[in-house]
N, C-alpha and C. Protein backbone atom coordinates (compact mmCIF):
# COMPACT_ATOMS: atom_id res chain seq x y z
N MET A 1 -7.89 -3.48 8.36
CA MET A 1 -7.12 -3.62 9.56
C MET A 1 -7.65 -4.76 10.40
N LYS A 2 -6.77 -5.54 10.95
CA LYS A 2 -7.16 -6.61 11.83
C LYS A 2 -7.29 -6.07 13.25
N THR A 3 -8.19 -6.67 13.99
CA THR A 3 -8.34 -6.22 15.37
C THR A 3 -7.94 -7.35 16.31
N THR A 4 -7.16 -7.01 17.29
CA THR A 4 -6.79 -7.95 18.34
C THR A 4 -6.98 -7.23 19.65
N SER A 5 -7.82 -7.78 20.47
CA SER A 5 -8.15 -7.20 21.79
C SER A 5 -8.62 -5.75 21.65
N GLY A 6 -9.39 -5.49 20.63
CA GLY A 6 -9.98 -4.16 20.47
C GLY A 6 -9.07 -3.12 19.83
N ALA A 7 -7.80 -3.43 19.63
CA ALA A 7 -6.87 -2.46 19.05
C ALA A 7 -6.68 -2.77 17.57
N ALA A 8 -6.69 -1.76 16.75
CA ALA A 8 -6.51 -1.94 15.31
C ALA A 8 -5.02 -2.09 15.01
N VAL A 9 -4.69 -3.14 14.27
CA VAL A 9 -3.31 -3.41 13.89
C VAL A 9 -3.20 -3.26 12.38
N PRO A 10 -2.27 -2.43 11.88
CA PRO A 10 -2.15 -2.28 10.43
C PRO A 10 -1.76 -3.59 9.76
N VAL A 11 -2.37 -3.89 8.62
CA VAL A 11 -2.04 -5.08 7.86
C VAL A 11 -0.68 -4.92 7.18
N CYS A 12 -0.39 -3.74 6.74
CA CYS A 12 0.84 -3.42 6.03
C CYS A 12 1.51 -2.24 6.76
N PRO A 13 2.84 -2.23 6.87
CA PRO A 13 3.48 -1.12 7.58
C PRO A 13 3.14 0.25 7.01
N ILE A 14 2.89 0.31 5.73
CA ILE A 14 2.59 1.60 5.12
C ILE A 14 1.18 2.06 5.49
N GLU A 15 0.37 1.14 6.06
CA GLU A 15 -1.01 1.44 6.41
C GLU A 15 -1.13 2.03 7.82
N SER A 16 -0.02 2.41 8.41
CA SER A 16 -0.07 2.98 9.75
C SER A 16 -0.83 4.30 9.74
N PRO A 17 -1.34 4.73 10.89
CA PRO A 17 -2.14 5.96 10.92
C PRO A 17 -1.39 7.20 10.45
N ARG A 18 -0.07 7.17 10.48
CA ARG A 18 0.70 8.34 10.04
C ARG A 18 0.61 8.53 8.54
N TRP A 19 0.37 7.47 7.79
CA TRP A 19 0.36 7.53 6.33
C TRP A 19 -1.06 7.68 5.83
N SER A 20 -1.22 8.51 4.88
CA SER A 20 -2.50 8.64 4.19
C SER A 20 -2.46 7.72 2.98
N ILE A 21 -3.60 7.22 2.58
CA ILE A 21 -3.66 6.38 1.38
C ILE A 21 -3.16 7.15 0.17
N LYS A 22 -3.49 8.44 0.11
CA LYS A 22 -3.07 9.24 -1.03
C LYS A 22 -1.55 9.35 -1.10
N VAL A 23 -0.89 9.39 0.02
CA VAL A 23 0.58 9.46 0.05
C VAL A 23 1.16 8.09 -0.27
N ALA A 24 0.57 7.04 0.29
CA ALA A 24 1.10 5.69 0.10
C ALA A 24 1.05 5.26 -1.36
N ILE A 25 0.01 5.65 -2.07
CA ILE A 25 -0.12 5.25 -3.47
C ILE A 25 0.96 5.89 -4.33
N TRP A 26 1.32 7.12 -4.03
CA TRP A 26 2.28 7.85 -4.87
C TRP A 26 3.73 7.66 -4.44
N THR A 27 3.99 7.00 -3.31
CA THR A 27 5.36 6.79 -2.85
C THR A 27 6.20 6.00 -3.85
N PRO A 28 5.72 4.88 -4.42
CA PRO A 28 6.55 4.17 -5.41
C PRO A 28 6.88 5.02 -6.63
N ALA A 29 5.91 5.80 -7.10
CA ALA A 29 6.17 6.65 -8.28
C ALA A 29 7.21 7.72 -7.95
N ALA A 30 7.12 8.29 -6.76
CA ALA A 30 8.10 9.30 -6.36
C ALA A 30 9.50 8.69 -6.24
N PHE A 31 9.58 7.49 -5.71
CA PHE A 31 10.87 6.81 -5.58
C PHE A 31 11.47 6.54 -6.96
N CYS A 32 10.64 6.06 -7.89
CA CYS A 32 11.12 5.81 -9.26
C CYS A 32 11.56 7.10 -9.94
N ALA A 33 10.81 8.17 -9.72
CA ALA A 33 11.18 9.46 -10.30
C ALA A 33 12.50 9.95 -9.74
N PHE A 34 12.70 9.78 -8.43
CA PHE A 34 13.96 10.18 -7.81
C PHE A 34 15.13 9.40 -8.41
N LEU A 35 14.97 8.09 -8.56
CA LEU A 35 16.03 7.28 -9.16
C LEU A 35 16.33 7.72 -10.59
N SER A 36 15.29 7.98 -11.35
CA SER A 36 15.49 8.38 -12.75
C SER A 36 16.17 9.74 -12.86
N ILE A 37 15.77 10.68 -12.03
CA ILE A 37 16.40 12.01 -12.05
C ILE A 37 17.85 11.92 -11.61
N MET A 38 18.10 11.08 -10.60
CA MET A 38 19.48 10.91 -10.15
C MET A 38 20.33 10.33 -11.27
N LYS A 39 19.78 9.36 -12.00
CA LYS A 39 20.53 8.74 -13.10
C LYS A 39 20.75 9.73 -14.25
N MET A 40 19.76 10.58 -14.51
CA MET A 40 19.89 11.53 -15.62
C MET A 40 20.96 12.58 -15.36
N PHE A 41 21.06 13.06 -14.13
CA PHE A 41 21.95 14.18 -13.84
C PHE A 41 23.27 13.78 -13.20
N ALA A 42 23.49 12.49 -12.98
CA ALA A 42 24.77 12.05 -12.41
C ALA A 42 25.85 12.14 -13.50
N PRO A 43 26.99 12.72 -13.17
CA PRO A 43 28.04 12.85 -14.19
C PRO A 43 28.72 11.51 -14.49
N ASN A 44 28.98 11.28 -15.75
CA ASN A 44 29.76 10.13 -16.21
C ASN A 44 29.25 8.78 -15.71
N ASP A 45 27.95 8.62 -15.68
CA ASP A 45 27.36 7.32 -15.30
C ASP A 45 27.69 6.88 -13.88
N THR A 46 27.94 7.82 -12.97
CA THR A 46 28.24 7.44 -11.59
C THR A 46 26.99 6.98 -10.84
N GLY A 47 25.81 7.34 -11.32
CA GLY A 47 24.59 6.92 -10.65
C GLY A 47 24.06 5.58 -11.12
N ALA A 48 24.74 4.96 -12.07
CA ALA A 48 24.26 3.69 -12.63
C ALA A 48 24.17 2.57 -11.59
N PRO A 49 25.18 2.37 -10.73
CA PRO A 49 25.05 1.28 -9.75
C PRO A 49 23.85 1.46 -8.81
N ALA A 50 23.63 2.67 -8.33
CA ALA A 50 22.50 2.92 -7.45
C ALA A 50 21.19 2.73 -8.20
N PHE A 51 21.15 3.18 -9.44
CA PHE A 51 19.93 3.06 -10.24
C PHE A 51 19.56 1.60 -10.44
N TYR A 52 20.51 0.80 -10.89
CA TYR A 52 20.21 -0.60 -11.17
C TYR A 52 20.03 -1.42 -9.90
N SER A 53 20.66 -1.02 -8.81
CA SER A 53 20.50 -1.74 -7.55
C SER A 53 19.15 -1.48 -6.91
N PHE A 54 18.67 -0.25 -6.99
CA PHE A 54 17.42 0.10 -6.33
C PHE A 54 16.20 0.04 -7.25
N LEU A 55 16.39 -0.25 -8.52
CA LEU A 55 15.26 -0.36 -9.43
C LEU A 55 14.26 -1.44 -9.01
N PRO A 56 14.70 -2.61 -8.53
CA PRO A 56 13.72 -3.60 -8.05
C PRO A 56 12.89 -3.11 -6.86
N MET A 57 13.40 -2.15 -6.11
CA MET A 57 12.63 -1.62 -4.98
C MET A 57 11.38 -0.90 -5.46
N CYS A 58 11.41 -0.35 -6.67
CA CYS A 58 10.20 0.29 -7.22
C CYS A 58 9.08 -0.73 -7.31
N PHE A 59 9.40 -1.92 -7.79
CA PHE A 59 8.39 -2.97 -7.91
C PHE A 59 7.96 -3.48 -6.53
N PHE A 60 8.90 -3.53 -5.59
CA PHE A 60 8.57 -3.95 -4.23
C PHE A 60 7.61 -2.95 -3.58
N PHE A 61 7.89 -1.66 -3.72
CA PHE A 61 7.01 -0.64 -3.15
C PHE A 61 5.63 -0.69 -3.80
N ALA A 62 5.60 -0.84 -5.11
CA ALA A 62 4.30 -0.91 -5.80
C ALA A 62 3.53 -2.15 -5.36
N GLY A 63 4.23 -3.26 -5.17
CA GLY A 63 3.58 -4.47 -4.68
C GLY A 63 3.02 -4.30 -3.28
N GLY A 64 3.75 -3.57 -2.43
CA GLY A 64 3.26 -3.31 -1.08
C GLY A 64 1.97 -2.50 -1.08
N VAL A 65 1.90 -1.52 -1.95
CA VAL A 65 0.69 -0.70 -2.06
C VAL A 65 -0.47 -1.54 -2.59
N HIS A 66 -0.20 -2.38 -3.60
CA HIS A 66 -1.26 -3.23 -4.14
C HIS A 66 -1.76 -4.21 -3.08
N PHE A 67 -0.84 -4.76 -2.30
CA PHE A 67 -1.21 -5.69 -1.23
C PHE A 67 -2.08 -4.98 -0.19
N MET A 68 -1.69 -3.76 0.17
CA MET A 68 -2.46 -2.99 1.15
C MET A 68 -3.86 -2.72 0.63
N LEU A 69 -3.98 -2.31 -0.63
CA LEU A 69 -5.29 -2.04 -1.19
C LEU A 69 -6.13 -3.31 -1.30
N LEU A 70 -5.50 -4.44 -1.62
CA LEU A 70 -6.22 -5.71 -1.68
C LEU A 70 -6.79 -6.07 -0.31
N LYS A 71 -5.99 -5.89 0.73
CA LYS A 71 -6.47 -6.18 2.09
C LYS A 71 -7.61 -5.26 2.48
N ARG A 72 -7.54 -4.00 2.09
CA ARG A 72 -8.63 -3.06 2.40
C ARG A 72 -9.91 -3.47 1.67
N ILE A 73 -9.79 -3.90 0.41
CA ILE A 73 -10.96 -4.34 -0.34
C ILE A 73 -11.57 -5.58 0.30
N GLU A 74 -10.72 -6.53 0.70
CA GLU A 74 -11.23 -7.74 1.35
C GLU A 74 -11.93 -7.41 2.66
N ALA A 75 -11.38 -6.47 3.43
CA ALA A 75 -12.02 -6.07 4.68
C ALA A 75 -13.36 -5.39 4.42
N MET A 76 -13.43 -4.56 3.38
CA MET A 76 -14.69 -3.90 3.05
C MET A 76 -15.73 -4.90 2.56
N GLU A 77 -15.30 -5.89 1.75
CA GLU A 77 -16.23 -6.90 1.28
C GLU A 77 -16.76 -7.74 2.44
N ALA A 78 -15.88 -8.07 3.40
CA ALA A 78 -16.31 -8.83 4.57
C ALA A 78 -17.30 -8.02 5.40
N ALA A 79 -17.01 -6.74 5.58
CA ALA A 79 -17.92 -5.88 6.35
C ALA A 79 -19.25 -5.75 5.63
N LEU A 80 -19.22 -5.63 4.32
CA LEU A 80 -20.45 -5.53 3.54
C LEU A 80 -21.25 -6.82 3.63
N GLY A 81 -20.56 -7.95 3.57
CA GLY A 81 -21.23 -9.25 3.70
C GLY A 81 -21.85 -9.41 5.08
N ASP A 82 -21.13 -8.98 6.13
CA ASP A 82 -21.67 -9.05 7.49
C ASP A 82 -22.89 -8.16 7.63
N ALA A 83 -22.83 -6.96 7.08
CA ALA A 83 -23.95 -6.03 7.16
C ALA A 83 -25.16 -6.57 6.40
N ALA A 84 -24.92 -7.18 5.24
CA ALA A 84 -26.02 -7.75 4.46
C ALA A 84 -26.63 -8.93 5.20
N GLY A 85 -25.80 -9.74 5.84
CA GLY A 85 -26.30 -10.87 6.61
C GLY A 85 -27.13 -10.43 7.80
N GLN A 86 -26.68 -9.39 8.49
CA GLN A 86 -27.43 -8.86 9.63
C GLN A 86 -28.74 -8.25 9.17
N GLU A 87 -28.73 -7.58 8.03
CA GLU A 87 -29.95 -6.98 7.50
C GLU A 87 -30.96 -8.06 7.11
N ALA A 88 -30.47 -9.15 6.53
CA ALA A 88 -31.36 -10.25 6.15
C ALA A 88 -31.96 -10.91 7.39
N GLU A 89 -31.15 -11.08 8.44
CA GLU A 89 -31.66 -11.64 9.69
C GLU A 89 -32.69 -10.73 10.33
N ALA A 90 -32.50 -9.44 10.24
CA ALA A 90 -33.44 -8.50 10.84
C ALA A 90 -34.77 -8.50 10.10
N THR A 91 -34.74 -8.67 8.79
CA THR A 91 -35.99 -8.68 8.04
C THR A 91 -36.73 -10.01 8.20
N ASP A 92 -35.98 -11.11 8.46
CA ASP A 92 -36.61 -12.41 8.67
C ASP A 92 -37.29 -12.50 10.03
N ALA A 93 -36.79 -11.77 10.99
CA ALA A 93 -37.32 -11.88 12.35
C ALA A 93 -38.60 -11.12 12.56
């Protein structure tokens, strides 16, 4: 999370405090499962337009989760680097 004027701002909309990481990771899979079940049980191929239209959204949602996790890893690496730098300065002094 980026900080501006002391307030934490989510990097990704799915990273808001209302969402848990555990929920965010499984949202794309649940969406894909919903589309597949809708396509399987729709009579006479009536669900085909919705299935093929929203199928790219599965990849978009998965990309959003990957982007969010990448930003969290980068933030953790930066914090770890800062902590290591402060520890090295403390031992040198």
